[in-house]
């Protein structure tokens, strides 16, 4: 039996398996991007794959605080696209 890695969603504070979350990364050069592979270098933060969690994260600015930089609106639209896939 393999160990399933758990991560915490910033918006809902739930512990979930890593595969059920979306990773957002601030890379070394300061760009913020959605990490679909889970392997991009940089400071990462996780959000639950739900529209409610993304809306809550945008409202409370938890990504800005976690990644210590401004988050463009295009990131939130990209997150919604990933959830709707």
PDB file of N, CA and C in Angstrom:
ATOM      1  N   UNK A   1       0.844  -1.186   0.000  1.00  0.00           N
ATOM      2  CA  UNK A   1       0.000   0.000   0.000  1.00  0.00           C
ATOM      3  C   UNK A   1       0.886   1.245   0.000  1.00  0.00           C
ATOM      4  N   UNK A   2       0.700   2.076  -1.002  1.00  0.00           N
ATOM      5  CA  UNK A   2       1.510   3.288  -1.122  1.00  0.00           C
ATOM      6  C   UNK A   2       0.909   4.420  -0.306  1.00  0.00           C
ATOM      7  N   UNK A   3       1.781   5.262   0.187  1.00  0.00           N
ATOM      8  CA  UNK A   3       1.341   6.448   0.930  1.00  0.00           C
ATOM      9  C   UNK A   3       0.816   7.488  -0.054  1.00  0.00           C
ATOM     10  N   UNK A   4      -0.350   8.064   0.245  1.00  0.00           N
ATOM     11  CA  UNK A   4      -0.949   9.098  -0.610  1.00  0.00           C
ATOM     12  C   UNK A   4      -0.571  10.461  -0.034  1.00  0.00           C
ATOM     13  N   UNK A   5       0.161  11.287  -0.825  1.00  0.00           N
ATOM     14  CA  UNK A   5       0.546  12.610  -0.301  1.00  0.00           C
ATOM     15  C   UNK A   5      -0.668  13.522  -0.140  1.00  0.00           C
ATOM     16  N   UNK A   6      -0.763  14.167   1.026  1.00  0.00           N
ATOM     17  CA  UNK A   6      -1.849  15.097   1.316  1.00  0.00           C
ATOM     18  C   UNK A   6      -1.322  16.524   1.304  1.00  0.00           C
ATOM     19  N   UNK A   7      -2.159  17.448   0.849  1.00  0.00           N
ATOM     20  CA  UNK A   7      -1.848  18.875   0.877  1.00  0.00           C
ATOM     21  C   UNK A   7      -3.081  19.611   1.373  1.00  0.00           C
ATOM     22  N   UNK A   8      -2.883  20.844   1.857  1.00  0.00           N
ATOM     23  CA  UNK A   8      -3.989  21.632   2.380  1.00  0.00           C
ATOM     24  C   UNK A   8      -4.405  22.689   1.369  1.00  0.00           C
ATOM     25  N   UNK A   9      -5.714  22.773   1.116  1.00  0.00           N
ATOM     26  CA  UNK A   9      -6.266  23.820   0.264  1.00  0.00           C
ATOM     27  C   UNK A   9      -6.204  25.136   1.026  1.00  0.00           C
ATOM     28  N   UNK A  10      -5.675  26.168   0.395  1.00  0.00           N
ATOM     29  CA  UNK A  10      -5.566  27.477   1.052  1.00  0.00           C
ATOM     30  C   UNK A  10      -6.924  28.104   1.349  1.00  0.00           C
ATOM     31  N   UNK A  11      -7.880  27.912   0.468  1.00  0.00           N
ATOM     32  CA  UNK A  11      -9.178  28.566   0.616  1.00  0.00           C
ATOM     33  C   UNK A  11     -10.055  27.864   1.649  1.00  0.00           C
ATOM     34  N   UNK A  12     -10.161  26.535   1.575  1.00  0.00           N
ATOM     35  CA  UNK A  12     -11.094  25.805   2.438  1.00  0.00           C
ATOM     36  C   UNK A  12     -10.429  25.188   3.663  1.00  0.00           C
ATOM     37  N   UNK A  13      -9.114  25.171   3.701  1.00  0.00           N
ATOM     38  CA  UNK A  13      -8.335  24.585   4.804  1.00  0.00           C
ATOM     39  C   UNK A  13      -8.565  23.076   4.956  1.00  0.00           C
ATOM     40  N   UNK A  14      -8.947  22.391   3.867  1.00  0.00           N
ATOM     41  CA  UNK A  14      -9.163  20.946   3.899  1.00  0.00           C
ATOM     42  C   UNK A  14      -7.883  20.215   3.510  1.00  0.00           C
ATOM     43  N   UNK A  15      -7.597  19.103   4.184  1.00  0.00           N
ATOM     44  CA  UNK A  15      -6.505  18.217   3.804  1.00  0.00           C
ATOM     45  C   UNK A  15      -7.049  17.272   2.743  1.00  0.00           C
ATOM     46  N   UNK A  16      -6.473  17.279   1.546  1.00  0.00           N
ATOM     47  CA  UNK A  16      -6.943  16.445   0.450  1.00  0.00           C
ATOM     48  C   UNK A  16      -5.749  15.779  -0.230  1.00  0.00           C
ATOM     49  N   UNK A  17      -5.994  14.658  -0.932  1.00  0.00           N
ATOM     50  CA  UNK A  17      -4.911  14.067  -1.724  1.00  0.00           C
ATOM     51  C   UNK A  17      -4.425  15.060  -2.786  1.00  0.00           C
ATOM     52  N   UNK A  18      -3.138  15.035  -3.036  1.00  0.00           N
ATOM     53  CA  UNK A  18      -2.506  15.984  -3.951  1.00  0.00           C
ATOM     54  C   UNK A  18      -3.158  15.977  -5.343  1.00  0.00           C
ATOM     55  N   UNK A  19      -3.637  14.825  -5.797  1.00  0.00           N
ATOM     56  CA  UNK A  19      -4.242  14.707  -7.135  1.00  0.00           C
ATOM     57  C   UNK A  19      -5.570  15.456  -7.251  1.00  0.00           C
ATOM     58  N   UNK A  20      -6.221  15.751  -6.125  1.00  0.00           N
ATOM     59  CA  UNK A  20      -7.518  16.441  -6.144  1.00  0.00           C
ATOM     60  C   UNK A  20      -7.366  17.962  -6.043  1.00  0.00           C
ATOM     61  N   UNK A  21      -6.130  18.453  -6.067  1.00  0.00           N
ATOM     62  CA  UNK A  21      -5.864  19.881  -5.917  1.00  0.00           C
ATOM     63  C   UNK A  21      -5.180  20.445  -7.151  1.00  0.00           C
ATOM     64  N   UNK A  22      -5.236  21.746  -7.286  1.00  0.00           N
ATOM     65  CA  UNK A  22      -4.542  22.466  -8.363  1.00  0.00           C
ATOM     66  C   UNK A  22      -3.382  23.217  -7.722  1.00  0.00           C
ATOM     67  N   UNK A  23      -2.201  23.131  -8.326  1.00  0.00           N
ATOM     68  CA  UNK A  23      -1.027  23.821  -7.797  1.00  0.00           C
ATOM     69  C   UNK A  23      -0.800  25.113  -8.569  1.00  0.00           C
ATOM     70  N   UNK A  24      -0.583  26.192  -7.828  1.00  0.00           N
ATOM     71  CA  UNK A  24      -0.256  27.492  -8.412  1.00  0.00           C
ATOM     72  C   UNK A  24       1.158  27.815  -7.951  1.00  0.00           C
ATOM     73  N   UNK A  25       2.016  28.258  -8.868  1.00  0.00           N
ATOM     74  CA  UNK A  25       3.436  28.433  -8.574  1.00  0.00           C
ATOM     75  C   UNK A  25       3.900  29.841  -8.881  1.00  0.00           C
ATOM     76  N   UNK A  26       4.731  30.381  -7.988  1.00  0.00           N
ATOM     77  CA  UNK A  26       5.494  31.586  -8.308  1.00  0.00           C
ATOM     78  C   UNK A  26       6.891  31.103  -8.616  1.00  0.00           C
ATOM     79  N   UNK A  27       7.299  31.228  -9.881  1.00  0.00           N
ATOM     80  CA  UNK A  27       8.601  30.727 -10.298  1.00  0.00           C
ATOM     81  C   UNK A  27       9.719  31.637  -9.795  1.00  0.00           C
ATOM     82  N   UNK A  28      10.943  31.198  -9.992  1.00  0.00           N
ATOM     83  CA  UNK A  28      12.107  31.927  -9.506  1.00  0.00           C
ATOM     84  C   UNK A  28      12.191  33.334 -10.089  1.00  0.00           C
ATOM     85  N   UNK A  29      11.753  33.494 -11.351  1.00  0.00           N
ATOM     86  CA  UNK A  29      11.810  34.820 -11.981  1.00  0.00           C
ATOM     87  C   UNK A  29      10.587  35.683 -11.656  1.00  0.00           C
ATOM     88  N   UNK A  30       9.679  35.212 -10.794  1.00  0.00           N
ATOM     89  CA  UNK A  30       8.562  36.024 -10.323  1.00  0.00           C
ATOM     90  C   UNK A  30       7.250  35.842 -11.068  1.00  0.00           C
ATOM     91  N   UNK A  31       7.216  34.979 -12.098  1.00  0.00           N
ATOM     92  CA  UNK A  31       5.977  34.746 -12.838  1.00  0.00           C
ATOM     93  C   UNK A  31       5.072  33.807 -12.036  1.00  0.00           C
ATOM     94  N   UNK A  32       3.771  34.075 -12.095  1.00  0.00           N
ATOM     95  CA  UNK A  32       2.788  33.202 -11.450  1.00  0.00           C
ATOM     96  C   UNK A  32       2.113  32.381 -12.540  1.00  0.00           C
ATOM     97  N   UNK A  33       2.039  31.053 -12.341  1.00  0.00           N
ATOM     98  CA  UNK A  33       1.413  30.200 -13.329  1.00  0.00           C
ATOM     99  C   UNK A  33       0.733  29.007 -12.674  1.00  0.00           C
ATOM    100  N   UNK A  34      -0.211  28.426 -13.413  1.00  0.00           N
ATOM    101  CA  UNK A  34      -0.909  27.233 -12.946  1.00  0.00           C
ATOM    102  C   UNK A  34      -0.068  26.034 -13.361  1.00  0.00           C
ATOM    103  N   UNK A  35       0.284  25.194 -12.384  1.00  0.00           N
ATOM    104  CA  UNK A  35       1.152  24.045 -12.619  1.00  0.00           C
ATOM    105  C   UNK A  35       0.297  22.795 -12.771  1.00  0.00           C
ATOM    106  N   UNK A  36       0.085  22.366 -14.007  1.00  0.00           N
ATOM    107  CA  UNK A  36      -0.744  21.189 -14.258  1.00  0.00           C
ATOM    108  C   UNK A  36       0.023  19.896 -14.018  1.00  0.00           C
ATOM    109  N   UNK A  37       1.365  19.936 -14.074  1.00  0.00           N
ATOM    110  CA  UNK A  37       2.162  18.730 -13.868  1.00  0.00           C
ATOM    111  C   UNK A  37       2.501  18.507 -12.399  1.00  0.00           C
ATOM    112  N   UNK A  38       2.542  19.588 -11.611  1.00  0.00           N
ATOM    113  CA  UNK A  38       2.906  19.465 -10.199  1.00  0.00           C
ATOM    114  C   UNK A  38       4.396  19.407  -9.966  1.00  0.00           C
ATOM    115  N   UNK A  39       5.188  19.727 -10.993  1.00  0.00           N
ATOM    116  CA  UNK A  39       6.644  19.585 -10.880  1.00  0.00           C
ATOM    117  C   UNK A  39       7.435  20.845 -11.204  1.00  0.00           C
ATOM    118  N   UNK A  40       6.761  21.963 -11.442  1.00  0.00           N
ATOM    119  CA  UNK A  40       7.457  23.202 -11.784  1.00  0.00           C
ATOM    120  C   UNK A  40       8.191  23.731 -10.551  1.00  0.00           C
ATOM    121  N   UNK A  41       9.424  24.192 -10.759  1.00  0.00           N
ATOM    122  CA  UNK A  41      10.204  24.752  -9.651  1.00  0.00           C
ATOM    123  C   UNK A  41       9.611  26.075  -9.203  1.00  0.00           C
ATOM    124  N   UNK A  42       9.649  26.312  -7.899  1.00  0.00           N
ATOM    125  CA  UNK A  42       9.176  27.577  -7.353  1.00  0.00           C
ATOM    126  C   UNK A  42       8.321  27.364  -6.122  1.00  0.00           C
ATOM    127  N   UNK A  43       7.838  28.470  -5.597  1.00  0.00           N
ATOM    128  CA  UNK A  43       6.992  28.431  -4.403  1.00  0.00           C
ATOM    129  C   UNK A  43       5.571  28.056  -4.828  1.00  0.00           C
ATOM    130  N   UNK A  44       5.014  27.016  -4.247  1.00  0.00           N
ATOM    131  CA  UNK A  44       3.712  26.508  -4.659  1.00  0.00           C
ATOM    132  C   UNK A  44       2.636  26.694  -3.609  1.00  0.00           C
ATOM    133  N   UNK A  45       1.398  26.743  -4.078  1.00  0.00           N
ATOM    134  CA  UNK A  45       0.220  26.813  -3.219  1.00  0.00           C
ATOM    135  C   UNK A  45      -0.859  25.955  -3.878  1.00  0.00           C
ATOM    136  N   UNK A  46      -1.727  25.379  -3.055  1.00  0.00           N
ATOM    137  CA  UNK A  46      -2.735  24.459  -3.568  1.00  0.00           C
ATOM    138  C   UNK A  46      -4.148  24.979  -3.328  1.00  0.00           C
ATOM    139  N   UNK A  47      -5.018  24.726  -4.322  1.00  0.00           N
ATOM    140  CA  UNK A  47      -6.441  25.040  -4.219  1.00  0.00           C
ATOM    141  C   UNK A  47      -7.240  23.820  -4.645  1.00  0.00           C
ATOM    142  N   UNK A  48      -8.379  23.629  -4.000  1.00  0.00           N
ATOM    143  CA  UNK A  48      -9.291  22.546  -4.328  1.00  0.00           C
ATOM    144  C   UNK A  48      -9.860  22.780  -5.727  1.00  0.00           C
ATOM    145  N   UNK A  49     -10.096  21.697  -6.469  1.00  0.00           N
ATOM    146  CA  UNK A  49     -10.664  21.803  -7.817  1.00  0.00           C
ATOM    147  C   UNK A  49     -12.162  22.032  -7.742  1.00  0.00           C
ATOM    148  N   UNK A  50     -12.559  23.214  -7.261  1.00  0.00           N
ATOM    149  CA  UNK A  50     -13.979  23.578  -7.231  1.00  0.00           C
ATOM    150  C   UNK A  50     -14.118  25.077  -7.474  1.00  0.00           C
ATOM    151  N   UNK A  51     -15.231  25.439  -8.065  1.00  0.00           N
ATOM    152  CA  UNK A  51     -15.494  26.844  -8.377  1.00  0.00           C
ATOM    153  C   UNK A  51     -15.613  27.659  -7.088  1.00  0.00           C
ATOM    154  N   UNK A  52     -16.234  27.060  -6.063  1.00  0.00           N
ATOM    155  CA  UNK A  52     -16.408  27.751  -4.786  1.00  0.00           C
ATOM    156  C   UNK A  52     -15.065  28.074  -4.135  1.00  0.00           C
ATOM    157  N   UNK A  53     -14.131  27.133  -4.178  1.00  0.00           N
ATOM    158  CA  UNK A  53     -12.815  27.343  -3.568  1.00  0.00           C
ATOM    159  C   UNK A  53     -12.044  28.443  -4.300  1.00  0.00           C
ATOM    160  N   UNK A  54     -12.155  28.477  -5.613  1.00  0.00           N
ATOM    161  CA  UNK A  54     -11.458  29.499  -6.402  1.00  0.00           C
ATOM    162  C   UNK A  54     -12.059  30.873  -6.133  1.00  0.00           C
ATOM    163  N   UNK A  55     -13.386  30.944  -6.047  1.00  0.00           N
ATOM    164  CA  UNK A  55     -14.052  32.217  -5.742  1.00  0.00           C
ATOM    165  C   UNK A  55     -13.665  32.710  -4.349  1.00  0.00           C
ATOM    166  N   UNK A  56     -13.607  31.808  -3.389  1.00  0.00           N
ATOM    167  CA  UNK A  56     -13.217  32.167  -2.027  1.00  0.00           C
ATOM    168  C   UNK A  56     -11.763  32.644  -1.976  1.00  0.00           C
ATOM    169  N   UNK A  57     -10.890  31.977  -2.727  1.00  0.00           N
ATOM    170  CA  UNK A  57      -9.485  32.381  -2.774  1.00  0.00           C
ATOM    171  C   UNK A  57      -9.330  33.775  -3.368  1.00  0.00           C
ATOM    172  N   UNK A  58     -10.100  34.070  -4.404  1.00  0.00           N
ATOM    173  CA  UNK A  58     -10.027  35.391  -5.027  1.00  0.00           C
ATOM    174  C   UNK A  58     -10.557  36.463  -4.076  1.00  0.00           C
ATOM    175  N   UNK A  59     -11.640  36.168  -3.380  1.00  0.00           N
ATOM    176  CA  UNK A  59     -12.259  37.123  -2.469  1.00  0.00           C
ATOM    177  C   UNK A  59     -11.356  37.446  -1.277  1.00  0.00           C
ATOM    178  N   UNK A  60     -10.678  36.429  -0.734  1.00  0.00           N
ATOM    179  CA  UNK A  60      -9.877  36.611   0.481  1.00  0.00           C
ATOM    180  C   UNK A  60      -8.395  36.858   0.221  1.00  0.00           C
ATOM    181  N   UNK A  61      -7.974  36.829  -1.046  1.00  0.00           N
ATOM    182  CA  UNK A  61      -6.568  37.078  -1.425  1.00  0.00           C
ATOM    183  C   UNK A  61      -5.575  36.118  -0.762  1.00  0.00           C
ATOM    184  N   UNK A  62      -5.964  34.860  -0.558  1.00  0.00           N
ATOM    185  CA  UNK A  62      -5.053  33.917   0.087  1.00  0.00           C
ATOM    186  C   UNK A  62      -3.863  33.566  -0.804  1.00  0.00           C
ATOM    187  N   UNK A  63      -4.061  33.563  -2.117  1.00  0.00           N
ATOM    188  CA  UNK A  63      -2.936  33.265  -3.014  1.00  0.00           C
ATOM    189  C   UNK A  63      -1.889  34.376  -2.974  1.00  0.00           C
ATOM    190  N   UNK A  64      -2.347  35.616  -2.904  1.00  0.00           N
ATOM    191  CA  UNK A  64      -1.408  36.750  -2.845  1.00  0.00           C
ATOM    192  C   UNK A  64      -0.529  36.641  -1.603  1.00  0.00           C
ATOM    193  N   UNK A  65      -1.147  36.283  -0.471  1.00  0.00           N
ATOM    194  CA  UNK A  65      -0.386  36.159   0.773  1.00  0.00           C
ATOM    195  C   UNK A  65       0.545  34.942   0.754  1.00  0.00           C
ATOM    196  N   UNK A  66       0.075  33.831   0.221  1.00  0.00           N
ATOM    197  CA  UNK A  66       0.873  32.606   0.216  1.00  0.00           C
ATOM    198  C   UNK A  66       2.068  32.704  -0.730  1.00  0.00           C
ATOM    199  N   UNK A  67       1.862  33.300  -1.900  1.00  0.00           N
ATOM    200  CA  UNK A  67       2.937  33.396  -2.894  1.00  0.00           C
ATOM    201  C   UNK A  67       3.726  34.688  -2.781  1.00  0.00           C
ATOM    202  N   UNK A  68       3.273  35.582  -1.934  1.00  0.00           N
ATOM    203  CA  UNK A  68       3.967  36.852  -1.658  1.00  0.00           C
ATOM    204  C   UNK A  68       4.185  37.685  -2.916  1.00  0.00           C
ATOM    205  N   UNK A  69       3.151  37.755  -3.780  1.00  0.00           N
ATOM    206  CA  UNK A  69       3.188  38.602  -4.972  1.00  0.00           C
ATOM    207  C   UNK A  69       1.751  38.821  -5.446  1.00  0.00           C
ATOM    208  N   UNK A  70       1.578  39.769  -6.363  1.00  0.00           N
ATOM    209  CA  UNK A  70       0.253  40.047  -6.905  1.00  0.00           C
ATOM    210  C   UNK A  70      -0.170  38.926  -7.863  1.00  0.00           C
ATOM    211  N   UNK A  71      -1.442  38.562  -7.802  1.00  0.00           N
ATOM    212  CA  UNK A  71      -1.981  37.504  -8.656  1.00  0.00           C
ATOM    213  C   UNK A  71      -2.866  38.144  -9.728  1.00  0.00           C
ATOM    214  N   UNK A  72      -2.498  38.013 -11.007  1.00  0.00           N
ATOM    215  CA  UNK A  72      -3.324  38.599 -12.069  1.00  0.00           C
ATOM    216  C   UNK A  72      -4.657  37.858 -12.213  1.00  0.00           C
ATOM    217  N   UNK A  73      -5.679  38.554 -12.726  1.00  0.00           N
ATOM    218  CA  UNK A  73      -6.995  37.940 -12.918  1.00  0.00           C
ATOM    219  C   UNK A  73      -6.948  36.788 -13.916  1.00  0.00           C
ATOM    220  N   UNK A  74      -5.977  36.814 -14.828  1.00  0.00           N
ATOM    221  CA  UNK A  74      -5.874  35.738 -15.818  1.00  0.00           C
ATOM    222  C   UNK A  74      -5.607  34.384 -15.147  1.00  0.00           C
ATOM    223  N   UNK A  75      -4.950  34.384 -13.996  1.00  0.00           N
ATOM    224  CA  UNK A  75      -4.691  33.140 -13.265  1.00  0.00           C
ATOM    225  C   UNK A  75      -6.013  32.542 -12.776  1.00  0.00           C
ATOM    226  N   UNK A  76      -6.905  33.388 -12.252  1.00  0.00           N
ATOM    227  CA  UNK A  76      -8.196  32.896 -11.765  1.00  0.00           C
ATOM    228  C   UNK A  76      -9.053  32.350 -12.910  1.00  0.00           C
ATOM    229  N   UNK A  77      -9.005  32.989 -14.086  1.00  0.00           N
ATOM    230  CA  UNK A  77      -9.768  32.470 -15.227  1.00  0.00           C
ATOM    231  C   UNK A  77      -9.177  31.142 -15.699  1.00  0.00           C
ATOM    232  N   UNK A  78      -7.849  31.023 -15.659  1.00  0.00           N
ATOM    233  CA  UNK A  78      -7.201  29.763 -16.033  1.00  0.00           C
ATOM    234  C   UNK A  78      -7.561  28.650 -15.043  1.00  0.00           C
ATOM    235  N   UNK A  79      -7.647  28.990 -13.753  1.00  0.00           N
ATOM    236  CA  UNK A  79      -8.045  28.012 -12.741  1.00  0.00           C
ATOM    237  C   UNK A  79      -9.477  27.523 -12.997  1.00  0.00           C
ATOM    238  N   UNK A  80     -10.373  28.442 -13.347  1.00  0.00           N
ATOM    239  CA  UNK A  80     -11.754  28.053 -13.648  1.00  0.00           C
ATOM    240  C   UNK A  80     -11.826  27.149 -14.868  1.00  0.00           C
ATOM    241  N   UNK A  81     -10.972  27.401 -15.863  1.00  0.00           N
ATOM    242  CA  UNK A  81     -10.922  26.550 -17.045  1.00  0.00           C
ATOM    243  C   UNK A  81     -10.462  25.140 -16.676  1.00  0.00           C
ATOM    244  N   UNK A  82      -9.483  25.025 -15.781  1.00  0.00           N
ATOM    245  CA  UNK A  82      -8.987  23.721 -15.347  1.00  0.00           C
ATOM    246  C   UNK A  82     -10.086  22.953 -14.609  1.00  0.00           C
ATOM    247  N   UNK A  83     -10.858  23.645 -13.780  1.00  0.00           N
ATOM    248  CA  UNK A  83     -11.947  22.993 -13.053  1.00  0.00           C
ATOM    249  C   UNK A  83     -13.036  22.505 -14.002  1.00  0.00           C
ATOM    250  N   UNK A  84     -13.328  23.284 -15.037  1.00  0.00           N
ATOM    251  CA  UNK A  84     -14.402  22.933 -15.968  1.00  0.00           C
ATOM    252  C   UNK A  84     -14.022  21.858 -16.973  1.00  0.00           C
ATOM    253  N   UNK A  85     -12.743  21.470 -17.018  1.00  0.00           N
ATOM    254  CA  UNK A  85     -12.309  20.425 -17.962  1.00  0.00           C
ATOM    255  C   UNK A  85     -12.845  19.070 -17.581  1.00  0.00           C
TER     256      UNK A  85
END
